Amino acid sequence: MLVSRFLAFLKGSALILLLSFSGWSYAYQPTMAFVENLAIDFKFDDAGRFNNGNAAVMIAERGMVQMAVIDSAGNMLFQADEIADFAGDVAPFRQDNQWGIVNRQGEIVLKPTYARMHAFANGLAAVLKDGLWGYVNNKGEAVIEQQFARATIFSEQLAAVQNDQGLWGFIDSKGQWQIAAQFDDTLAFSEGLAAVKLDDKWGYVSPDGQLKIKPQYHQARIFKAGFAAVADDGKWGYIDRVGRWLVEPAYDAAKTFDEGFAAVRKADRYGYIDDQGKQLTNFDFDDAWSFNEGLARVEQNGKVGYLNTKGEWAIEPKFSWALSFTNGLAPATLDFWEYGYINQQGEMVINAEFENARAFSDGVAAVKLYGKWGYIKSP
């Protein structure tokens, strides 16, 4: 279908199609005239999601790969070897094995200085220099000196860091210890609690350092929507914020709650439970994703479909591959060759004419055609 449409388009055009015995080579790159709702032309070797007007893309030239920041018009504002996600107005970037900071206008805030840099959160990013971690602010200023063996991103105003004795605690944005280093391992704070490990058991601590749920689990996850998945003797269940069981350990895998439901696995089959601990579906699925916009993406017998919040089919499994819904649309393909976008009734509302397709964000989505990535607008 793609080739026939392409050849039909070339009739009456001065553009030249180059052929070789080793494969197809195109002098033509698709333009606004060829693809409906095209926002940014097909010129990138990979393309990420837009976030508040910017996206990271990849460009391969003369055997060299570079990342670039583009704006909503597709203009390249900045290039580097690697560019991390923007948080607020800034993002870490790497050039020649050193990390610096760039803003959304493509201006360098901090020239490459550090051996490693984490993503920004709460206006701070962890940075590594001379074997020790500290933190810089979004102006590139060092605000917490290099002193930690390991450091993580801030979450709920606190960051987990490891001292030179190998113990973990939590610091505030001024670098002051709020919870002394005493744990064997930690996870980030979420919904006012952080999972901590003591003597091979996991429990949960509050921001003031109190052990709200004593260490007793073999594994633990962060809290989300009021519940955390924890494991005991190889099985997973869910607890609430005071440590009461919502569902006692019975599952071989347990995902986080989203929109009132969680995907759980027994043996090699997935099902769903609700936030009352009741079973929503049978264990009928090869894979199960979180609910998003009222629908959950599942796989059954090698095909992708979607369930509603009653556990019923909203869209019968018929797609070879598809993603979750965002802004009412989901990328989907029937054959791994042609990708388009479906609505929540399963109708293909953006024609399946792309080689690959990603989710919408900021009103645009990255799509691939004839080996290059561009962006289309939401219809």
Protein backbone atom coordinates (compact mmCIF):
# COMPACT_ATOMS: atom_id res chain seq x y z
CA MET A 1 0.00 0.00 0.00
CA LEU A 2 2.74 2.47 0.95
CA VAL A 3 4.78 1.82 -2.20
CA SER A 4 1.76 2.05 -4.51
CA ARG A 5 0.66 5.34 -2.93
CA PHE A 6 4.17 6.68 -3.19
CA LEU A 7 4.50 5.77 -6.88
CA ALA A 8 1.11 7.32 -7.60
CA PHE A 9 2.23 10.52 -5.92
CA LEU A 10 5.35 10.68 -8.07
CA LYS A 11 3.33 10.76 -11.31
CA GLY A 12 3.57 14.28 -12.68
CA SER A 13 6.33 15.15 -10.24
CA ALA A 14 9.88 16.11 -11.11
CA LEU A 15 11.16 14.19 -8.09
CA ILE A 16 13.36 11.19 -8.87
CA LEU A 17 13.10 7.77 -7.26
CA LEU A 18 16.48 6.08 -7.01
CA LEU A 19 16.61 2.30 -7.20
CA SER A 20 19.38 -0.16 -6.52
CA PHE A 21 19.63 -3.94 -6.41
CA SER A 22 20.60 -3.80 -2.76
CA GLY A 23 17.32 -2.09 -1.77
CA TRP A 24 15.33 1.10 -2.08
CA SER A 25 16.94 4.50 -1.80
CA TYR A 26 14.80 7.61 -1.76
CA ALA A 27 15.83 11.03 -2.96
CA TYR A 28 12.36 12.13 -1.85
CA GLN A 29 11.42 12.99 1.71
CA PRO A 30 7.65 13.16 2.43
CA THR A 31 6.24 16.68 2.81
CA MET A 32 3.05 18.43 3.88
CA ALA A 33 1.47 17.61 0.51
CA PHE A 34 1.85 13.87 1.09
CA VAL A 35 0.87 13.34 4.73
CA GLU A 36 -2.29 14.81 6.19
CA ASN A 37 -1.85 16.89 9.37
CA LEU A 38 1.95 16.95 9.04
CA ALA A 39 3.40 19.33 11.63
CA ILE A 40 7.16 18.78 11.20
CA ASP A 41 8.75 17.24 8.11
CA PHE A 42 10.36 13.80 8.04
CA LYS A 43 14.04 14.52 8.62
CA PHE A 44 15.11 12.88 11.88
CA ASP A 45 16.59 9.44 12.57
CA ASP A 46 14.64 9.14 15.82
CA ALA A 47 12.20 11.41 17.62
CA GLY A 48 10.98 11.76 21.18
CA ARG A 49 7.81 13.17 22.68
CA PHE A 50 7.16 16.89 22.94
CA ASN A 51 7.18 18.36 26.43
CA ASN A 52 6.00 21.96 26.80
CA GLY A 53 7.08 22.96 23.32
CA ASN A 54 10.34 21.02 22.97
CA ALA A 55 11.40 17.52 21.94
CA ALA A 56 14.66 15.63 21.67
CA VAL A 57 15.49 14.10 18.28
CA MET A 58 18.37 12.07 16.87
CA ILE A 59 20.38 12.88 13.75
CA ALA A 60 22.88 10.52 12.12
CA GLU A 61 25.34 12.15 9.74
CA ARG A 62 28.57 10.72 8.29
CA GLY A 63 28.53 7.88 10.79
CA MET A 64 28.12 10.22 13.76
CA VAL A 65 25.01 10.29 15.95
CA GLN A 66 23.91 13.52 17.62
CA MET A 67 20.90 14.48 19.70
CA ALA A 68 19.14 17.79 19.15
CA VAL A 69 16.52 19.93 20.87
CA ILE A 70 13.80 21.16 18.51
CA ASP A 71 10.93 23.61 18.96
CA SER A 72 7.32 23.17 17.86
CA ALA A 73 8.20 24.35 14.34
CA GLY A 74 10.92 21.72 13.99
CA ASN A 75 13.80 24.18 14.27
CA MET A 76 16.96 22.67 15.77
CA LEU A 77 18.00 24.82 18.71
CA PHE A 78 20.90 22.83 20.14
CA GLN A 79 22.92 19.68 19.44
CA ALA A 80 24.91 17.41 21.75
CA ASP A 81 25.99 13.78 22.15
CA GLU A 82 23.12 13.13 24.59
CA ILE A 83 20.26 15.21 25.95
CA ALA A 84 18.15 14.19 28.95
CA ASP A 85 14.52 15.11 29.58
CA PHE A 86 13.57 18.70 30.32
CA ALA A 87 12.27 19.51 33.77
CA GLY A 88 11.02 23.05 34.01
CA ASP A 89 13.20 25.17 31.73
CA VAL A 90 16.39 23.09 31.71
CA ALA A 91 17.82 19.70 30.78
CA PRO A 92 21.19 17.98 31.31
CA PHE A 93 23.24 17.34 28.18
CA ARG A 94 26.46 15.41 27.47
CA GLN A 95 29.28 16.46 25.20
CA ASP A 96 32.61 14.59 25.02
CA ASN A 97 31.88 12.58 28.21
CA GLN A 98 31.08 15.65 30.30
CA TRP A 99 27.65 16.89 31.37
CA GLY A 100 26.29 20.43 31.35
CA ILE A 101 22.89 22.17 31.28
CA VAL A 102 20.91 23.66 28.38
CA ASN A 103 17.66 25.66 28.46
CA ARG A 104 14.61 25.42 26.20
CA GLN A 105 15.93 28.16 23.94
CA GLY A 106 19.04 26.09 23.20
CA GLU A 107 21.29 28.30 25.31
CA ILE A 108 24.01 26.68 27.42
CA VAL A 109 23.36 27.40 31.09
CA LEU A 110 26.37 25.38 32.30
CA LYS A 111 29.14 24.21 30.01
CA PRO A 112 30.06 20.50 30.25
CA THR A 113 31.65 20.12 33.69
CA TYR A 114 30.55 16.92 35.42
CA ALA A 115 31.22 13.22 34.81
CA ARG A 116 27.54 12.37 35.35
CA MET A 117 24.30 14.22 35.96
CA HIS A 118 20.82 13.04 36.92
CA ALA A 119 17.55 14.63 35.81
CA PHE A 120 16.31 17.79 37.51
CA ALA A 121 13.62 17.57 40.18
CA ASN A 122 12.59 20.28 42.64
CA GLY A 123 15.01 22.56 40.77
CA LEU A 124 18.07 20.45 41.64
CA ALA A 125 20.11 17.77 39.86
CA ALA A 126 22.65 15.35 41.30
CA VAL A 127 26.13 15.69 39.73
CA LEU A 128 29.28 13.57 39.93
CA LYS A 129 32.78 15.01 40.03
CA ASP A 130 36.04 13.53 41.32
CA GLY A 131 34.19 10.41 42.45
CA LEU A 132 31.69 12.17 44.71
CA TRP A 133 28.12 13.38 44.23
CA GLY A 134 26.64 16.77 45.00
CA TYR A 135 23.83 18.91 43.57
CA VAL A 136 23.49 21.93 41.28
CA ASN A 137 20.49 24.21 40.78
CA ASN A 138 18.88 25.09 37.46
CA LYS A 139 21.33 27.97 37.02
CA GLY A 140 24.25 25.55 37.15
CA GLU A 141 25.35 26.74 40.58
CA ALA A 142 26.74 24.18 43.03
CA VAL A 143 24.39 24.29 46.02
CA ILE A 144 25.26 21.01 47.80
CA GLU A 145 28.96 20.19 47.75
CA GLN A 146 30.43 16.94 46.45
CA GLN A 147 30.34 14.57 49.44
CA PHE A 148 28.14 11.52 48.77
CA ALA A 149 29.08 8.07 47.47
CA ARG A 150 25.77 7.93 45.59
CA ALA A 151 22.86 10.32 45.10
CA THR A 152 19.35 10.22 43.64
CA ILE A 153 16.80 12.73 42.36
CA PHE A 154 14.66 14.77 44.75
CA SER A 155 11.11 13.66 45.40
CA GLU A 156 8.71 15.41 47.77
CA GLN A 157 11.54 17.77 48.82
CA LEU A 158 13.89 14.98 49.92
CA ALA A 159 16.61 12.98 48.15
CA ALA A 160 18.10 9.64 49.15
CA VAL A 161 21.91 9.71 49.35
CA GLN A 162 24.56 7.20 50.43
CA ASN A 163 27.44 8.07 52.75
CA ASP A 164 31.00 6.75 52.63
CA GLN A 165 30.00 3.87 54.93
CA GLY A 166 27.51 2.56 52.37
CA LEU A 167 24.43 3.59 54.37
CA TRP A 168 21.47 5.53 52.96
CA GLY A 169 19.55 8.46 54.41
CA PHE A 170 17.67 11.53 53.15
CA ILE A 171 18.75 15.15 52.73
CA ASP A 172 16.78 18.34 52.06
CA SER A 173 17.41 20.93 49.35
CA LYS A 174 20.08 22.60 51.50
CA GLY A 175 22.04 19.37 51.90
CA GLN A 176 21.03 18.92 55.55
CA TRP A 177 20.36 15.39 56.79
CA GLN A 178 16.64 15.07 57.52
CA ILE A 179 16.82 11.31 58.05
CA ALA A 180 20.21 10.05 59.18
CA ALA A 181 22.10 7.53 57.04
CA GLN A 182 21.12 4.17 58.55
CA PHE A 183 19.46 2.09 55.82
CA ASP A 184 20.85 -0.60 53.53
CA ASP A 185 18.75 0.67 50.62
CA THR A 186 15.91 3.12 49.92
CA LEU A 187 13.33 4.14 47.35
CA ALA A 188 12.08 7.67 46.69
CA PHE A 189 9.37 9.33 48.75
CA SER A 190 5.89 8.98 47.30
CA GLU A 191 2.63 10.00 48.96
CA GLY A 192 4.51 10.86 52.13
CA LEU A 193 6.30 7.54 52.62
CA ALA A 194 9.58 6.03 51.40
CA ALA A 195 10.47 2.33 51.31
CA VAL A 196 13.63 1.58 53.31
CA LYS A 197 15.62 -1.62 53.83
CA LEU A 198 17.06 -2.75 57.15
CA ASP A 199 18.60 -6.19 57.76
CA ASP A 200 17.23 -7.55 54.47
CA LYS A 201 13.65 -6.45 55.22
CA TRP A 202 11.71 -3.54 53.75
CA GLY A 203 9.46 -1.11 55.58
CA TYR A 204 8.38 2.52 55.20
CA VAL A 205 9.57 5.75 56.77
CA SER A 206 7.92 9.19 57.00
CA PRO A 207 9.70 12.50 56.18
CA ASP A 208 10.41 13.08 59.88
CA GLY A 209 12.29 9.76 60.09
CA GLN A 210 9.65 7.69 61.86
CA LEU A 211 9.28 4.07 60.81
CA LYS A 212 5.56 4.08 60.00
CA ILE A 213 5.56 0.50 58.73
CA LYS A 214 8.24 -1.66 60.31
CA PRO A 215 10.64 -3.56 58.04
CA GLN A 216 9.06 -6.95 57.36
CA TYR A 217 8.80 -7.48 53.58
CA HIS A 218 11.22 -9.15 51.19
CA GLN A 219 10.53 -6.53 48.50
CA ALA A 220 8.64 -3.25 48.38
CA ARG A 221 7.50 -0.64 45.85
CA ILE A 222 6.52 3.02 46.10
CA PHE A 223 3.03 4.10 47.14
CA LYS A 224 0.64 5.17 44.40
CA ALA A 225 -3.07 5.92 44.71
CA GLY A 226 -2.87 4.98 48.40
CA PHE A 227 -1.40 1.49 48.01
CA ALA A 228 2.02 -0.13 47.65
CA ALA A 229 2.87 -3.56 46.29
CA VAL A 230 5.00 -5.62 48.69
CA ALA A 231 6.32 -9.17 48.48
CA ASP A 232 6.65 -11.88 51.11
CA ASP A 233 7.96 -15.39 50.45
CA GLY A 234 7.98 -14.78 46.71
CA LYS A 235 4.36 -13.60 46.42
CA TRP A 236 3.04 -10.05 45.99
CA GLY A 237 0.17 -8.28 47.69
CA TYR A 238 -0.86 -4.70 48.50
CA ILE A 239 -0.83 -2.67 51.70
CA ASP A 240 -2.34 0.71 52.55
CA ARG A 241 -0.50 3.63 54.15
CA VAL A 242 -0.75 2.20 57.68
CA GLY A 243 0.39 -1.28 56.64
CA ARG A 244 -3.00 -3.01 56.50
CA TRP A 245 -3.43 -5.62 53.81
CA LEU A 246 -5.68 -4.72 50.90
CA VAL A 247 -4.80 -8.07 49.35
CA GLU A 248 -2.50 -10.53 51.08
CA PRO A 249 0.42 -11.92 49.04
CA ALA A 250 -1.02 -14.16 46.32
CA TYR A 251 0.44 -12.93 43.04
CA ASP A 252 3.63 -13.59 41.10
CA ALA A 253 3.72 -9.95 39.94
CA ALA A 254 1.82 -6.82 40.93
CA LYS A 255 1.77 -3.46 39.15
CA THR A 256 0.80 -0.07 40.58
CA PHE A 257 -2.79 1.14 40.86
CA ASP A 258 -4.00 3.55 38.19
CA GLU A 259 -7.54 4.87 37.84
CA GLY A 260 -8.68 2.49 40.58
CA PHE A 261 -7.28 -0.76 39.17
CA ALA A 262 -4.03 -2.76 39.17
CA ALA A 263 -2.75 -5.49 36.88
CA VAL A 264 -1.61 -8.64 38.70
CA ARG A 265 -0.12 -11.91 37.48
CA LYS A 266 -0.52 -15.55 38.49
CA ALA A 267 1.95 -17.90 36.80
CA ASP A 268 2.17 -16.50 33.27
CA ARG A 269 -1.33 -14.98 33.05
CA TYR A 270 -2.51 -11.47 33.96
CA GLY A 271 -5.75 -10.14 35.36
CA TYR A 272 -6.98 -7.04 37.23
CA ILE A 273 -8.14 -6.20 40.73
CA ASP A 274 -9.85 -3.02 41.93
CA ASP A 275 -8.89 -0.75 44.84
CA GLN A 276 -11.24 -2.68 47.13
CA GLY A 277 -9.16 -5.80 46.53
CA LYS A 278 -11.86 -7.43 44.42
CA GLN A 279 -11.06 -9.32 41.24
CA LEU A 280 -12.18 -7.42 38.14
CA THR A 281 -11.25 -10.01 35.51
CA ASN A 282 -10.11 -13.58 35.22
CA PHE A 283 -6.44 -14.29 34.56
CA ASP A 284 -6.91 -14.42 30.80
CA PHE A 285 -4.16 -12.18 29.41
CA ASP A 286 -0.60 -12.64 28.15
CA ASP A 287 0.22 -9.08 29.26
CA ALA A 288 -1.68 -6.25 30.93
CA TRP A 289 -0.89 -2.55 31.19
CA SER A 290 -2.23 0.09 33.53
CA PHE A 291 -5.56 1.80 32.90
CA ASN A 292 -5.26 5.12 31.08
CA GLU A 293 -8.18 7.32 30.03
CA GLY A 294 -10.59 4.62 31.17
CA LEU A 295 -9.15 1.78 29.10
CA ALA A 296 -6.47 -0.84 29.74
CA ARG A 297 -4.26 -2.26 26.99
CA VAL A 298 -4.01 -6.05 27.16
CA GLU A 299 -2.58 -8.85 25.03
CA GLN A 300 -4.41 -12.10 24.39
CA ASN A 301 -3.27 -14.85 22.01
CA GLY A 302 -0.71 -12.52 20.48
CA LYS A 303 -3.17 -9.70 19.75
CA VAL A 304 -3.75 -6.36 21.49
CA GLY A 305 -7.15 -5.12 22.65
CA TYR A 306 -8.58 -2.85 25.36
CA LEU A 307 -10.74 -3.42 28.44
CA ASN A 308 -13.13 -0.95 30.05
CA THR A 309 -13.48 -0.41 33.80
CA LYS A 310 -16.09 -3.19 33.98
CA GLY A 311 -13.49 -5.67 32.75
CA GLU A 312 -15.33 -6.02 29.44
CA TRP A 313 -13.93 -5.66 25.94
CA ALA A 314 -14.10 -2.06 24.75
CA ILE A 315 -12.02 -3.00 21.70
CA GLU A 316 -11.63 -6.68 20.82
CA PRO A 317 -8.02 -7.93 20.50
CA LYS A 318 -7.12 -7.63 16.82
CA PHE A 319 -4.00 -5.46 16.63
CA SER A 320 -0.49 -6.85 16.25
CA TRP A 321 0.77 -3.98 18.39
CA ALA A 322 -0.69 -0.88 20.03
CA LEU A 323 0.02 1.53 22.87
CA SER A 324 -2.16 3.00 25.62
CA PHE A 325 -4.51 5.88 24.86
CA THR A 326 -3.40 9.48 25.30
CA ASN A 327 -5.66 12.37 24.32
CA GLY A 328 -8.20 9.85 23.06
CA LEU A 329 -5.87 8.26 20.50
CA ALA A 330 -3.56 5.23 20.48
CA PRO A 331 -0.93 4.19 17.90
CA ALA A 332 -1.83 0.78 16.47
CA THR A 333 -0.92 -1.63 13.69
CA LEU A 334 -2.60 -4.72 12.27
CA ASP A 335 0.52 -6.11 10.61
CA PHE A 336 3.71 -4.43 11.99
CA TRP A 337 4.09 -2.75 8.57
CA GLU A 338 1.61 0.11 8.62
CA TYR A 339 0.86 2.11 11.77
CA GLY A 340 -1.97 4.57 12.35
CA TYR A 341 -4.08 5.83 15.24
CA ILE A 342 -7.33 4.48 16.63
CA ASN A 343 -9.99 6.15 18.76
CA GLN A 344 -11.59 4.60 21.82
CA GLN A 345 -14.12 2.81 19.62
CA GLY A 346 -11.30 1.02 17.81
CA GLU A 347 -11.77 2.99 14.59
CA MET A 348 -8.65 3.92 12.59
CA VAL A 349 -9.04 7.71 12.54
CA ILE A 350 -5.51 8.47 11.27
CA ASN A 351 -4.73 6.21 8.34
CA ALA A 352 -2.29 3.34 8.84
CA GLU A 353 0.42 4.68 6.52
CA PHE A 354 3.46 4.99 8.77
CA GLU A 355 6.35 2.63 9.48
CA ASN A 356 6.11 3.39 13.19
CA ALA A 357 4.13 5.71 15.44
CA ARG A 358 4.32 7.02 18.99
CA ALA A 359 1.86 8.51 21.45
CA PHE A 360 0.52 12.06 21.21
CA SER A 361 1.90 14.71 23.53
CA ASP A 362 1.50 18.50 23.33
CA GLY A 363 -0.94 17.90 20.47
CA VAL A 364 1.61 16.18 18.20
CA ALA A 365 2.98 12.66 17.74
CA ALA A 366 6.22 11.32 16.26
CA VAL A 367 5.72 9.10 13.20
CA LYS A 368 8.14 7.34 10.86
CA LEU A 369 7.96 7.14 7.08
CA TYR A 370 10.59 5.99 4.56
CA GLY A 371 13.19 5.65 7.30
CA LYS A 372 12.78 9.14 8.78
CA TRP A 373 10.81 10.55 11.71
CA GLY A 374 8.58 13.60 11.70
CA TYR A 375 5.53 14.82 13.62
CA ILE A 376 1.82 14.98 12.87
CA LYS A 377 -0.86 17.11 14.54
CA SER A 378 -3.86 15.69 16.32
CA PRO A 379 -6.89 15.74 14.00
